[in-house]
Amino acid sequence: FKATVESVIFTGGDTDTHAFIAGSI
């Protein structure tokens, strides 16, 4: 889980929404 969320945050941009979607799944 942590790697999923952290990796998407480090892509930059709309980090909260992308981390929300990835974190949900």
PDBML (XML) file of the C-alpha atoms, coordinates in Angstrom:
<?xml version="1.0" encoding="UTF-8" ?>
<PDBx:datablock datablockName="MODEL"
   xmlns:PDBx="http://pdbml.pdb.org/schema/pdbx-v50.xsd"
   xmlns:xsi="http://www.w3.org/2001/XMLSchema-instance"
   xsi:schemaLocation="http://pdbml.pdb.org/schema/pdbx-v50.xsd pdbx-v50.xsd">
   <PDBx:atom_siteCategory>
      <PDBx:atom_site id="1">
         <PDBx:B_iso_or_equiv>0.00</PDBx:B_iso_or_equiv>
         <PDBx:Cartn_x>0.000</PDBx:Cartn_x>
         <PDBx:Cartn_y>0.000</PDBx:Cartn_y>
         <PDBx:Cartn_z>0.000</PDBx:Cartn_z>
         <PDBx:auth_asym_id>A</PDBx:auth_asym_id>
         <PDBx:auth_atom_id>CA</PDBx:auth_atom_id>
         <PDBx:auth_comp_id>PHE</PDBx:auth_comp_id>
         <PDBx:auth_seq_id>1</PDBx:auth_seq_id>
         <PDBx:group_PDB>ATOM</PDBx:group_PDB>
         <PDBx:label_alt_id xsi:nil="true" />
         <PDBx:label_asym_id>A</PDBx:label_asym_id>
         <PDBx:label_atom_id>CA</PDBx:label_atom_id>
         <PDBx:label_comp_id>PHE</PDBx:label_comp_id>
         <PDBx:label_entity_id>1</PDBx:label_entity_id>
         <PDBx:label_seq_id>1</PDBx:label_seq_id>
         <PDBx:occupancy>1.00</PDBx:occupancy>
         <PDBx:pdbx_PDB_model_num>1</PDBx:pdbx_PDB_model_num>
         <PDBx:type_symbol>C</PDBx:type_symbol>
      </PDBx:atom_site>
      <PDBx:atom_site id="2">
         <PDBx:B_iso_or_equiv>0.00</PDBx:B_iso_or_equiv>
         <PDBx:Cartn_x>2.637</PDBx:Cartn_x>
         <PDBx:Cartn_y>2.561</PDBx:Cartn_y>
         <PDBx:Cartn_z>0.989</PDBx:Cartn_z>
         <PDBx:auth_asym_id>A</PDBx:auth_asym_id>
         <PDBx:auth_atom_id>CA</PDBx:auth_atom_id>
         <PDBx:auth_comp_id>LYS</PDBx:auth_comp_id>
         <PDBx:auth_seq_id>2</PDBx:auth_seq_id>
         <PDBx:group_PDB>ATOM</PDBx:group_PDB>
         <PDBx:label_alt_id xsi:nil="true" />
         <PDBx:label_asym_id>A</PDBx:label_asym_id>
         <PDBx:label_atom_id>CA</PDBx:label_atom_id>
         <PDBx:label_comp_id>LYS</PDBx:label_comp_id>
         <PDBx:label_entity_id>1</PDBx:label_entity_id>
         <PDBx:label_seq_id>2</PDBx:label_seq_id>
         <PDBx:occupancy>1.00</PDBx:occupancy>
         <PDBx:pdbx_PDB_model_num>1</PDBx:pdbx_PDB_model_num>
         <PDBx:type_symbol>C</PDBx:type_symbol>
      </PDBx:atom_site>
      <PDBx:atom_site id="3">
         <PDBx:B_iso_or_equiv>0.00</PDBx:B_iso_or_equiv>
         <PDBx:Cartn_x>4.701</PDBx:Cartn_x>
         <PDBx:Cartn_y>1.994</PDBx:Cartn_y>
         <PDBx:Cartn_z>-2.155</PDBx:Cartn_z>
         <PDBx:auth_asym_id>A</PDBx:auth_asym_id>
         <PDBx:auth_atom_id>CA</PDBx:auth_atom_id>
         <PDBx:auth_comp_id>ALA</PDBx:auth_comp_id>
         <PDBx:auth_seq_id>3</PDBx:auth_seq_id>
         <PDBx:group_PDB>ATOM</PDBx:group_PDB>
         <PDBx:label_alt_id xsi:nil="true" />
         <PDBx:label_asym_id>A</PDBx:label_asym_id>
         <PDBx:label_atom_id>CA</PDBx:label_atom_id>
         <PDBx:label_comp_id>ALA</PDBx:label_comp_id>
         <PDBx:label_entity_id>1</PDBx:label_entity_id>
         <PDBx:label_seq_id>3</PDBx:label_seq_id>
         <PDBx:occupancy>1.00</PDBx:occupancy>
         <PDBx:pdbx_PDB_model_num>1</PDBx:pdbx_PDB_model_num>
         <PDBx:type_symbol>C</PDBx:type_symbol>
      </PDBx:atom_site>
      <PDBx:atom_site id="4">
         <PDBx:B_iso_or_equiv>0.00</PDBx:B_iso_or_equiv>
         <PDBx:Cartn_x>1.565</PDBx:Cartn_x>
         <PDBx:Cartn_y>2.389</PDBx:Cartn_y>
         <PDBx:Cartn_z>-4.300</PDBx:Cartn_z>
         <PDBx:auth_asym_id>A</PDBx:auth_asym_id>
         <PDBx:auth_atom_id>CA</PDBx:auth_atom_id>
         <PDBx:auth_comp_id>THR</PDBx:auth_comp_id>
         <PDBx:auth_seq_id>4</PDBx:auth_seq_id>
         <PDBx:group_PDB>ATOM</PDBx:group_PDB>
         <PDBx:label_alt_id xsi:nil="true" />
         <PDBx:label_asym_id>A</PDBx:label_asym_id>
         <PDBx:label_atom_id>CA</PDBx:label_atom_id>
         <PDBx:label_comp_id>THR</PDBx:label_comp_id>
         <PDBx:label_entity_id>1</PDBx:label_entity_id>
         <PDBx:label_seq_id>4</PDBx:label_seq_id>
         <PDBx:occupancy>1.00</PDBx:occupancy>
         <PDBx:pdbx_PDB_model_num>1</PDBx:pdbx_PDB_model_num>
         <PDBx:type_symbol>C</PDBx:type_symbol>
      </PDBx:atom_site>
      <PDBx:atom_site id="5">
         <PDBx:B_iso_or_equiv>0.00</PDBx:B_iso_or_equiv>
         <PDBx:Cartn_x>0.635</PDBx:Cartn_x>
         <PDBx:Cartn_y>5.734</PDBx:Cartn_y>
         <PDBx:Cartn_z>-2.737</PDBx:Cartn_z>
         <PDBx:auth_asym_id>A</PDBx:auth_asym_id>
         <PDBx:auth_atom_id>CA</PDBx:auth_atom_id>
         <PDBx:auth_comp_id>VAL</PDBx:auth_comp_id>
         <PDBx:auth_seq_id>5</PDBx:auth_seq_id>
         <PDBx:group_PDB>ATOM</PDBx:group_PDB>
         <PDBx:label_alt_id xsi:nil="true" />
         <PDBx:label_asym_id>A</PDBx:label_asym_id>
         <PDBx:label_atom_id>CA</PDBx:label_atom_id>
         <PDBx:label_comp_id>VAL</PDBx:label_comp_id>
         <PDBx:label_entity_id>1</PDBx:label_entity_id>
         <PDBx:label_seq_id>5</PDBx:label_seq_id>
         <PDBx:occupancy>1.00</PDBx:occupancy>
         <PDBx:pdbx_PDB_model_num>1</PDBx:pdbx_PDB_model_num>
         <PDBx:type_symbol>C</PDBx:type_symbol>
      </PDBx:atom_site>
      <PDBx:atom_site id="6">
         <PDBx:B_iso_or_equiv>0.00</PDBx:B_iso_or_equiv>
         <PDBx:Cartn_x>4.160</PDBx:Cartn_x>
         <PDBx:Cartn_y>7.113</PDBx:Cartn_y>
         <PDBx:Cartn_z>-2.535</PDBx:Cartn_z>
         <PDBx:auth_asym_id>A</PDBx:auth_asym_id>
         <PDBx:auth_atom_id>CA</PDBx:auth_atom_id>
         <PDBx:auth_comp_id>GLU</PDBx:auth_comp_id>
         <PDBx:auth_seq_id>6</PDBx:auth_seq_id>
         <PDBx:group_PDB>ATOM</PDBx:group_PDB>
         <PDBx:label_alt_id xsi:nil="true" />
         <PDBx:label_asym_id>A</PDBx:label_asym_id>
         <PDBx:label_atom_id>CA</PDBx:label_atom_id>
         <PDBx:label_comp_id>GLU</PDBx:label_comp_id>
         <PDBx:label_entity_id>1</PDBx:label_entity_id>
         <PDBx:label_seq_id>6</PDBx:label_seq_id>
         <PDBx:occupancy>1.00</PDBx:occupancy>
         <PDBx:pdbx_PDB_model_num>1</PDBx:pdbx_PDB_model_num>
         <PDBx:type_symbol>C</PDBx:type_symbol>
      </PDBx:atom_site>
      <PDBx:atom_site id="7">
         <PDBx:B_iso_or_equiv>0.00</PDBx:B_iso_or_equiv>
         <PDBx:Cartn_x>4.987</PDBx:Cartn_x>
         <PDBx:Cartn_y>6.203</PDBx:Cartn_y>
         <PDBx:Cartn_z>-6.125</PDBx:Cartn_z>
         <PDBx:auth_asym_id>A</PDBx:auth_asym_id>
         <PDBx:auth_atom_id>CA</PDBx:auth_atom_id>
         <PDBx:auth_comp_id>SER</PDBx:auth_comp_id>
         <PDBx:auth_seq_id>7</PDBx:auth_seq_id>
         <PDBx:group_PDB>ATOM</PDBx:group_PDB>
         <PDBx:label_alt_id xsi:nil="true" />
         <PDBx:label_asym_id>A</PDBx:label_asym_id>
         <PDBx:label_atom_id>CA</PDBx:label_atom_id>
         <PDBx:label_comp_id>SER</PDBx:label_comp_id>
         <PDBx:label_entity_id>1</PDBx:label_entity_id>
         <PDBx:label_seq_id>7</PDBx:label_seq_id>
         <PDBx:occupancy>1.00</PDBx:occupancy>
         <PDBx:pdbx_PDB_model_num>1</PDBx:pdbx_PDB_model_num>
         <PDBx:type_symbol>C</PDBx:type_symbol>
      </PDBx:atom_site>
      <PDBx:atom_site id="8">
         <PDBx:B_iso_or_equiv>0.00</PDBx:B_iso_or_equiv>
         <PDBx:Cartn_x>1.957</PDBx:Cartn_x>
         <PDBx:Cartn_y>8.014</PDBx:Cartn_y>
         <PDBx:Cartn_z>-7.501</PDBx:Cartn_z>
         <PDBx:auth_asym_id>A</PDBx:auth_asym_id>
         <PDBx:auth_atom_id>CA</PDBx:auth_atom_id>
         <PDBx:auth_comp_id>VAL</PDBx:auth_comp_id>
         <PDBx:auth_seq_id>8</PDBx:auth_seq_id>
         <PDBx:group_PDB>ATOM</PDBx:group_PDB>
         <PDBx:label_alt_id xsi:nil="true" />
         <PDBx:label_asym_id>A</PDBx:label_asym_id>
         <PDBx:label_atom_id>CA</PDBx:label_atom_id>
         <PDBx:label_comp_id>VAL</PDBx:label_comp_id>
         <PDBx:label_entity_id>1</PDBx:label_entity_id>
         <PDBx:label_seq_id>8</PDBx:label_seq_id>
         <PDBx:occupancy>1.00</PDBx:occupancy>
         <PDBx:pdbx_PDB_model_num>1</PDBx:pdbx_PDB_model_num>
         <PDBx:type_symbol>C</PDBx:type_symbol>
      </PDBx:atom_site>
      <PDBx:atom_site id="9">
         <PDBx:B_iso_or_equiv>0.00</PDBx:B_iso_or_equiv>
         <PDBx:Cartn_x>2.658</PDBx:Cartn_x>
         <PDBx:Cartn_y>11.107</PDBx:Cartn_y>
         <PDBx:Cartn_z>-5.365</PDBx:Cartn_z>
         <PDBx:auth_asym_id>A</PDBx:auth_asym_id>
         <PDBx:auth_atom_id>CA</PDBx:auth_atom_id>
         <PDBx:auth_comp_id>ILE</PDBx:auth_comp_id>
         <PDBx:auth_seq_id>9</PDBx:auth_seq_id>
         <PDBx:group_PDB>ATOM</PDBx:group_PDB>
         <PDBx:label_alt_id xsi:nil="true" />
         <PDBx:label_asym_id>A</PDBx:label_asym_id>
         <PDBx:label_atom_id>CA</PDBx:label_atom_id>
         <PDBx:label_comp_id>ILE</PDBx:label_comp_id>
         <PDBx:label_entity_id>1</PDBx:label_entity_id>
         <PDBx:label_seq_id>9</PDBx:label_seq_id>
         <PDBx:occupancy>1.00</PDBx:occupancy>
         <PDBx:pdbx_PDB_model_num>1</PDBx:pdbx_PDB_model_num>
         <PDBx:type_symbol>C</PDBx:type_symbol>
      </PDBx:atom_site>
      <PDBx:atom_site id="10">
         <PDBx:B_iso_or_equiv>0.00</PDBx:B_iso_or_equiv>
         <PDBx:Cartn_x>6.212</PDBx:Cartn_x>
         <PDBx:Cartn_y>11.295</PDBx:Cartn_y>
         <PDBx:Cartn_z>-6.710</PDBx:Cartn_z>
         <PDBx:auth_asym_id>A</PDBx:auth_asym_id>
         <PDBx:auth_atom_id>CA</PDBx:auth_atom_id>
         <PDBx:auth_comp_id>PHE</PDBx:auth_comp_id>
         <PDBx:auth_seq_id>10</PDBx:auth_seq_id>
         <PDBx:group_PDB>ATOM</PDBx:group_PDB>
         <PDBx:label_alt_id xsi:nil="true" />
         <PDBx:label_asym_id>A</PDBx:label_asym_id>
         <PDBx:label_atom_id>CA</PDBx:label_atom_id>
         <PDBx:label_comp_id>PHE</PDBx:label_comp_id>
         <PDBx:label_entity_id>1</PDBx:label_entity_id>
         <PDBx:label_seq_id>10</PDBx:label_seq_id>
         <PDBx:occupancy>1.00</PDBx:occupancy>
         <PDBx:pdbx_PDB_model_num>1</PDBx:pdbx_PDB_model_num>
         <PDBx:type_symbol>C</PDBx:type_symbol>
      </PDBx:atom_site>
      <PDBx:atom_site id="11">
         <PDBx:B_iso_or_equiv>0.00</PDBx:B_iso_or_equiv>
         <PDBx:Cartn_x>4.864</PDBx:Cartn_x>
         <PDBx:Cartn_y>11.603</PDBx:Cartn_y>
         <PDBx:Cartn_z>-10.270</PDBx:Cartn_z>
         <PDBx:auth_asym_id>A</PDBx:auth_asym_id>
         <PDBx:auth_atom_id>CA</PDBx:auth_atom_id>
         <PDBx:auth_comp_id>THR</PDBx:auth_comp_id>
         <PDBx:auth_seq_id>11</PDBx:auth_seq_id>
         <PDBx:group_PDB>ATOM</PDBx:group_PDB>
         <PDBx:label_alt_id xsi:nil="true" />
         <PDBx:label_asym_id>A</PDBx:label_asym_id>
         <PDBx:label_atom_id>CA</PDBx:label_atom_id>
         <PDBx:label_comp_id>THR</PDBx:label_comp_id>
         <PDBx:label_entity_id>1</PDBx:label_entity_id>
         <PDBx:label_seq_id>11</PDBx:label_seq_id>
         <PDBx:occupancy>1.00</PDBx:occupancy>
         <PDBx:pdbx_PDB_model_num>1</PDBx:pdbx_PDB_model_num>
         <PDBx:type_symbol>C</PDBx:type_symbol>
      </PDBx:atom_site>
      <PDBx:atom_site id="12">
         <PDBx:B_iso_or_equiv>0.00</PDBx:B_iso_or_equiv>
         <PDBx:Cartn_x>3.827</PDBx:Cartn_x>
         <PDBx:Cartn_y>15.195</PDBx:Cartn_y>
         <PDBx:Cartn_z>-9.418</PDBx:Cartn_z>
         <PDBx:auth_asym_id>A</PDBx:auth_asym_id>
         <PDBx:auth_atom_id>CA</PDBx:auth_atom_id>
         <PDBx:auth_comp_id>GLY</PDBx:auth_comp_id>
         <PDBx:auth_seq_id>12</PDBx:auth_seq_id>
         <PDBx:group_PDB>ATOM</PDBx:group_PDB>
         <PDBx:label_alt_id xsi:nil="true" />
         <PDBx:label_asym_id>A</PDBx:label_asym_id>
         <PDBx:label_atom_id>CA</PDBx:label_atom_id>
         <PDBx:label_comp_id>GLY</PDBx:label_comp_id>
         <PDBx:label_entity_id>1</PDBx:label_entity_id>
         <PDBx:label_seq_id>12</PDBx:label_seq_id>
         <PDBx:occupancy>1.00</PDBx:occupancy>
         <PDBx:pdbx_PDB_model_num>1</PDBx:pdbx_PDB_model_num>
         <PDBx:type_symbol>C</PDBx:type_symbol>
      </PDBx:atom_site>
      <PDBx:atom_site id="13">
         <PDBx:B_iso_or_equiv>0.00</PDBx:B_iso_or_equiv>
         <PDBx:Cartn_x>0.761</PDBx:Cartn_x>
         <PDBx:Cartn_y>17.202</PDBx:Cartn_y>
         <PDBx:Cartn_z>-10.383</PDBx:Cartn_z>
         <PDBx:auth_asym_id>A</PDBx:auth_asym_id>
         <PDBx:auth_atom_id>CA</PDBx:auth_atom_id>
         <PDBx:auth_comp_id>GLY</PDBx:auth_comp_id>
         <PDBx:auth_seq_id>13</PDBx:auth_seq_id>
         <PDBx:group_PDB>ATOM</PDBx:group_PDB>
         <PDBx:label_alt_id xsi:nil="true" />
         <PDBx:label_asym_id>A</PDBx:label_asym_id>
         <PDBx:label_atom_id>CA</PDBx:label_atom_id>
         <PDBx:label_comp_id>GLY</PDBx:label_comp_id>
         <PDBx:label_entity_id>1</PDBx:label_entity_id>
         <PDBx:label_seq_id>13</PDBx:label_seq_id>
         <PDBx:occupancy>1.00</PDBx:occupancy>
         <PDBx:pdbx_PDB_model_num>1</PDBx:pdbx_PDB_model_num>
         <PDBx:type_symbol>C</PDBx:type_symbol>
      </PDBx:atom_site>
      <PDBx:atom_site id="14">
         <PDBx:B_iso_or_equiv>0.00</PDBx:B_iso_or_equiv>
         <PDBx:Cartn_x>-2.672</PDBx:Cartn_x>
         <PDBx:Cartn_y>16.355</PDBx:Cartn_y>
         <PDBx:Cartn_z>-8.972</PDBx:Cartn_z>
         <PDBx:auth_asym_id>A</PDBx:auth_asym_id>
         <PDBx:auth_atom_id>CA</PDBx:auth_atom_id>
         <PDBx:auth_comp_id>ASP</PDBx:auth_comp_id>
         <PDBx:auth_seq_id>14</PDBx:auth_seq_id>
         <PDBx:group_PDB>ATOM</PDBx:group_PDB>
         <PDBx:label_alt_id xsi:nil="true" />
         <PDBx:label_asym_id>A</PDBx:label_asym_id>
         <PDBx:label_atom_id>CA</PDBx:label_atom_id>
         <PDBx:label_comp_id>ASP</PDBx:label_comp_id>
         <PDBx:label_entity_id>1</PDBx:label_entity_id>
         <PDBx:label_seq_id>14</PDBx:label_seq_id>
         <PDBx:occupancy>1.00</PDBx:occupancy>
         <PDBx:pdbx_PDB_model_num>1</PDBx:pdbx_PDB_model_num>
         <PDBx:type_symbol>C</PDBx:type_symbol>
      </PDBx:atom_site>
      <PDBx:atom_site id="15">
         <PDBx:B_iso_or_equiv>0.00</PDBx:B_iso_or_equiv>
         <PDBx:Cartn_x>-1.091</PDBx:Cartn_x>
         <PDBx:Cartn_y>14.283</PDBx:Cartn_y>
         <PDBx:Cartn_z>-6.239</PDBx:Cartn_z>
         <PDBx:auth_asym_id>A</PDBx:auth_asym_id>
         <PDBx:auth_atom_id>CA</PDBx:auth_atom_id>
         <PDBx:auth_comp_id>THR</PDBx:auth_comp_id>
         <PDBx:auth_seq_id>15</PDBx:auth_seq_id>
         <PDBx:group_PDB>ATOM</PDBx:group_PDB>
         <PDBx:label_alt_id xsi:nil="true" />
         <PDBx:label_asym_id>A</PDBx:label_asym_id>
         <PDBx:label_atom_id>CA</PDBx:label_atom_id>
         <PDBx:label_comp_id>THR</PDBx:label_comp_id>
         <PDBx:label_entity_id>1</PDBx:label_entity_id>
         <PDBx:label_seq_id>15</PDBx:label_seq_id>
         <PDBx:occupancy>1.00</PDBx:occupancy>
         <PDBx:pdbx_PDB_model_num>1</PDBx:pdbx_PDB_model_num>
         <PDBx:type_symbol>C</PDBx:type_symbol>
      </PDBx:atom_site>
      <PDBx:atom_site id="16">
         <PDBx:B_iso_or_equiv>0.00</PDBx:B_iso_or_equiv>
         <PDBx:Cartn_x>-3.970</PDBx:Cartn_x>
         <PDBx:Cartn_y>14.145</PDBx:Cartn_y>
         <PDBx:Cartn_z>-3.759</PDBx:Cartn_z>
         <PDBx:auth_asym_id>A</PDBx:auth_asym_id>
         <PDBx:auth_atom_id>CA</PDBx:auth_atom_id>
         <PDBx:auth_comp_id>ASP</PDBx:auth_comp_id>
         <PDBx:auth_seq_id>16</PDBx:auth_seq_id>
         <PDBx:group_PDB>ATOM</PDBx:group_PDB>
         <PDBx:label_alt_id xsi:nil="true" />
         <PDBx:label_asym_id>A</PDBx:label_asym_id>
         <PDBx:label_atom_id>CA</PDBx:label_atom_id>
         <PDBx:label_comp_id>ASP</PDBx:label_comp_id>
         <PDBx:label_entity_id>1</PDBx:label_entity_id>
         <PDBx:label_seq_id>16</PDBx:label_seq_id>
         <PDBx:occupancy>1.00</PDBx:occupancy>
         <PDBx:pdbx_PDB_model_num>1</PDBx:pdbx_PDB_model_num>
         <PDBx:type_symbol>C</PDBx:type_symbol>
      </PDBx:atom_site>
      <PDBx:atom_site id="17">
         <PDBx:B_iso_or_equiv>0.00</PDBx:B_iso_or_equiv>
         <PDBx:Cartn_x>-6.559</PDBx:Cartn_x>
         <PDBx:Cartn_y>12.890</PDBx:Cartn_y>
         <PDBx:Cartn_z>-6.247</PDBx:Cartn_z>
         <PDBx:auth_asym_id>A</PDBx:auth_asym_id>
         <PDBx:auth_atom_id>CA</PDBx:auth_atom_id>
         <PDBx:auth_comp_id>THR</PDBx:auth_comp_id>
         <PDBx:auth_seq_id>17</PDBx:auth_seq_id>
         <PDBx:group_PDB>ATOM</PDBx:group_PDB>
         <PDBx:label_alt_id xsi:nil="true" />
         <PDBx:label_asym_id>A</PDBx:label_asym_id>
         <PDBx:label_atom_id>CA</PDBx:label_atom_id>
         <PDBx:label_comp_id>THR</PDBx:label_comp_id>
         <PDBx:label_entity_id>1</PDBx:label_entity_id>
         <PDBx:label_seq_id>17</PDBx:label_seq_id>
         <PDBx:occupancy>1.00</PDBx:occupancy>
         <PDBx:pdbx_PDB_model_num>1</PDBx:pdbx_PDB_model_num>
         <PDBx:type_symbol>C</PDBx:type_symbol>
      </PDBx:atom_site>
      <PDBx:atom_site id="18">
         <PDBx:B_iso_or_equiv>0.00</PDBx:B_iso_or_equiv>
         <PDBx:Cartn_x>-4.220</PDBx:Cartn_x>
         <PDBx:Cartn_y>10.392</PDBx:Cartn_y>
         <PDBx:Cartn_z>-7.889</PDBx:Cartn_z>
         <PDBx:auth_asym_id>A</PDBx:auth_asym_id>
         <PDBx:auth_atom_id>CA</PDBx:auth_atom_id>
         <PDBx:auth_comp_id>HIS</PDBx:auth_comp_id>
         <PDBx:auth_seq_id>18</PDBx:auth_seq_id>
         <PDBx:group_PDB>ATOM</PDBx:group_PDB>
         <PDBx:label_alt_id xsi:nil="true" />
         <PDBx:label_asym_id>A</PDBx:label_asym_id>
         <PDBx:label_atom_id>CA</PDBx:label_atom_id>
         <PDBx:label_comp_id>HIS</PDBx:label_comp_id>
         <PDBx:label_entity_id>1</PDBx:label_entity_id>
         <PDBx:label_seq_id>18</PDBx:label_seq_id>
         <PDBx:occupancy>1.00</PDBx:occupancy>
         <PDBx:pdbx_PDB_model_num>1</PDBx:pdbx_PDB_model_num>
         <PDBx:type_symbol>C</PDBx:type_symbol>
      </PDBx:atom_site>
      <PDBx:atom_site id="19">
         <PDBx:B_iso_or_equiv>0.00</PDBx:B_iso_or_equiv>
         <PDBx:Cartn_x>-3.120</PDBx:Cartn_x>
         <PDBx:Cartn_y>9.088</PDBx:Cartn_y>
         <PDBx:Cartn_z>-4.481</PDBx:Cartn_z>
         <PDBx:auth_asym_id>A</PDBx:auth_asym_id>
         <PDBx:auth_atom_id>CA</PDBx:auth_atom_id>
         <PDBx:auth_comp_id>ALA</PDBx:auth_comp_id>
         <PDBx:auth_seq_id>19</PDBx:auth_seq_id>
         <PDBx:group_PDB>ATOM</PDBx:group_PDB>
         <PDBx:label_alt_id xsi:nil="true" />
         <PDBx:label_asym_id>A</PDBx:label_asym_id>
         <PDBx:label_atom_id>CA</PDBx:label_atom_id>
         <PDBx:label_comp_id>ALA</PDBx:label_comp_id>
         <PDBx:label_entity_id>1</PDBx:label_entity_id>
         <PDBx:label_seq_id>19</PDBx:label_seq_id>
         <PDBx:occupancy>1.00</PDBx:occupancy>
         <PDBx:pdbx_PDB_model_num>1</PDBx:pdbx_PDB_model_num>
         <PDBx:type_symbol>C</PDBx:type_symbol>
      </PDBx:atom_site>
      <PDBx:atom_site id="20">
         <PDBx:B_iso_or_equiv>0.00</PDBx:B_iso_or_equiv>
         <PDBx:Cartn_x>-6.768</PDBx:Cartn_x>
         <PDBx:Cartn_y>8.920</PDBx:Cartn_y>
         <PDBx:Cartn_z>-3.395</PDBx:Cartn_z>
         <PDBx:auth_asym_id>A</PDBx:auth_asym_id>
         <PDBx:auth_atom_id>CA</PDBx:auth_atom_id>
         <PDBx:auth_comp_id>PHE</PDBx:auth_comp_id>
         <PDBx:auth_seq_id>20</PDBx:auth_seq_id>
         <PDBx:group_PDB>ATOM</PDBx:group_PDB>
         <PDBx:label_alt_id xsi:nil="true" />
         <PDBx:label_asym_id>A</PDBx:label_asym_id>
         <PDBx:label_atom_id>CA</PDBx:label_atom_id>
         <PDBx:label_comp_id>PHE</PDBx:label_comp_id>
         <PDBx:label_entity_id>1</PDBx:label_entity_id>
         <PDBx:label_seq_id>20</PDBx:label_seq_id>
         <PDBx:occupancy>1.00</PDBx:occupancy>
         <PDBx:pdbx_PDB_model_num>1</PDBx:pdbx_PDB_model_num>
         <PDBx:type_symbol>C</PDBx:type_symbol>
      </PDBx:atom_site>
      <PDBx:atom_site id="21">
         <PDBx:B_iso_or_equiv>0.00</PDBx:B_iso_or_equiv>
         <PDBx:Cartn_x>-7.736</PDBx:Cartn_x>
         <PDBx:Cartn_y>6.776</PDBx:Cartn_y>
         <PDBx:Cartn_z>-6.404</PDBx:Cartn_z>
         <PDBx:auth_asym_id>A</PDBx:auth_asym_id>
         <PDBx:auth_atom_id>CA</PDBx:auth_atom_id>
         <PDBx:auth_comp_id>ILE</PDBx:auth_comp_id>
         <PDBx:auth_seq_id>21</PDBx:auth_seq_id>
         <PDBx:group_PDB>ATOM</PDBx:group_PDB>
         <PDBx:label_alt_id xsi:nil="true" />
         <PDBx:label_asym_id>A</PDBx:label_asym_id>
         <PDBx:label_atom_id>CA</PDBx:label_atom_id>
         <PDBx:label_comp_id>ILE</PDBx:label_comp_id>
         <PDBx:label_entity_id>1</PDBx:label_entity_id>
         <PDBx:label_seq_id>21</PDBx:label_seq_id>
         <PDBx:occupancy>1.00</PDBx:occupancy>
         <PDBx:pdbx_PDB_model_num>1</PDBx:pdbx_PDB_model_num>
         <PDBx:type_symbol>C</PDBx:type_symbol>
      </PDBx:atom_site>
      <PDBx:atom_site id="22">
         <PDBx:B_iso_or_equiv>0.00</PDBx:B_iso_or_equiv>
         <PDBx:Cartn_x>-4.700</PDBx:Cartn_x>
         <PDBx:Cartn_y>4.501</PDBx:Cartn_y>
         <PDBx:Cartn_z>-6.167</PDBx:Cartn_z>
         <PDBx:auth_asym_id>A</PDBx:auth_asym_id>
         <PDBx:auth_atom_id>CA</PDBx:auth_atom_id>
         <PDBx:auth_comp_id>ALA</PDBx:auth_comp_id>
         <PDBx:auth_seq_id>22</PDBx:auth_seq_id>
         <PDBx:group_PDB>ATOM</PDBx:group_PDB>
         <PDBx:label_alt_id xsi:nil="true" />
         <PDBx:label_asym_id>A</PDBx:label_asym_id>
         <PDBx:label_atom_id>CA</PDBx:label_atom_id>
         <PDBx:label_comp_id>ALA</PDBx:label_comp_id>
         <PDBx:label_entity_id>1</PDBx:label_entity_id>
         <PDBx:label_seq_id>22</PDBx:label_seq_id>
         <PDBx:occupancy>1.00</PDBx:occupancy>
         <PDBx:pdbx_PDB_model_num>1</PDBx:pdbx_PDB_model_num>
         <PDBx:type_symbol>C</PDBx:type_symbol>
      </PDBx:atom_site>
      <PDBx:atom_site id="23">
         <PDBx:B_iso_or_equiv>0.00</PDBx:B_iso_or_equiv>
         <PDBx:Cartn_x>-5.004</PDBx:Cartn_x>
         <PDBx:Cartn_y>4.314</PDBx:Cartn_y>
         <PDBx:Cartn_z>-2.365</PDBx:Cartn_z>
         <PDBx:auth_asym_id>A</PDBx:auth_asym_id>
         <PDBx:auth_atom_id>CA</PDBx:auth_atom_id>
         <PDBx:auth_comp_id>GLY</PDBx:auth_comp_id>
         <PDBx:auth_seq_id>23</PDBx:auth_seq_id>
         <PDBx:group_PDB>ATOM</PDBx:group_PDB>
         <PDBx:label_alt_id xsi:nil="true" />
         <PDBx:label_asym_id>A</PDBx:label_asym_id>
         <PDBx:label_atom_id>CA</PDBx:label_atom_id>
         <PDBx:label_comp_id>GLY</PDBx:label_comp_id>
         <PDBx:label_entity_id>1</PDBx:label_entity_id>
         <PDBx:label_seq_id>23</PDBx:label_seq_id>
         <PDBx:occupancy>1.00</PDBx:occupancy>
         <PDBx:pdbx_PDB_model_num>1</PDBx:pdbx_PDB_model_num>
         <PDBx:type_symbol>C</PDBx:type_symbol>
      </PDBx:atom_site>
      <PDBx:atom_site id="24">
         <PDBx:B_iso_or_equiv>0.00</PDBx:B_iso_or_equiv>
         <PDBx:Cartn_x>-8.683</PDBx:Cartn_x>
         <PDBx:Cartn_y>3.368</PDBx:Cartn_y>
         <PDBx:Cartn_z>-2.586</PDBx:Cartn_z>
         <PDBx:auth_asym_id>A</PDBx:auth_asym_id>
         <PDBx:auth_atom_id>CA</PDBx:auth_atom_id>
         <PDBx:auth_comp_id>SER</PDBx:auth_comp_id>
         <PDBx:auth_seq_id>24</PDBx:auth_seq_id>
         <PDBx:group_PDB>ATOM</PDBx:group_PDB>
         <PDBx:label_alt_id xsi:nil="true" />
         <PDBx:label_asym_id>A</PDBx:label_asym_id>
         <PDBx:label_atom_id>CA</PDBx:label_atom_id>
         <PDBx:label_comp_id>SER</PDBx:label_comp_id>
         <PDBx:label_entity_id>1</PDBx:label_entity_id>
         <PDBx:label_seq_id>24</PDBx:label_seq_id>
         <PDBx:occupancy>1.00</PDBx:occupancy>
         <PDBx:pdbx_PDB_model_num>1</PDBx:pdbx_PDB_model_num>
         <PDBx:type_symbol>C</PDBx:type_symbol>
      </PDBx:atom_site>
      <PDBx:atom_site id="25">
         <PDBx:B_iso_or_equiv>0.00</PDBx:B_iso_or_equiv>
         <PDBx:Cartn_x>-7.966</PDBx:Cartn_x>
         <PDBx:Cartn_y>0.378</PDBx:Cartn_y>
         <PDBx:Cartn_z>-4.820</PDBx:Cartn_z>
         <PDBx:auth_asym_id>A</PDBx:auth_asym_id>
         <PDBx:auth_atom_id>CA</PDBx:auth_atom_id>
         <PDBx:auth_comp_id>ILE</PDBx:auth_comp_id>
         <PDBx:auth_seq_id>25</PDBx:auth_seq_id>
         <PDBx:group_PDB>ATOM</PDBx:group_PDB>
         <PDBx:label_alt_id xsi:nil="true" />
         <PDBx:label_asym_id>A</PDBx:label_asym_id>
         <PDBx:label_atom_id>CA</PDBx:label_atom_id>
         <PDBx:label_comp_id>ILE</PDBx:label_comp_id>
         <PDBx:label_entity_id>1</PDBx:label_entity_id>
         <PDBx:label_seq_id>25</PDBx:label_seq_id>
         <PDBx:occupancy>1.00</PDBx:occupancy>
         <PDBx:pdbx_PDB_model_num>1</PDBx:pdbx_PDB_model_num>
         <PDBx:type_symbol>C</PDBx:type_symbol>
      </PDBx:atom_site>
   </PDBx:atom_siteCategory>
</PDBx:datablock>
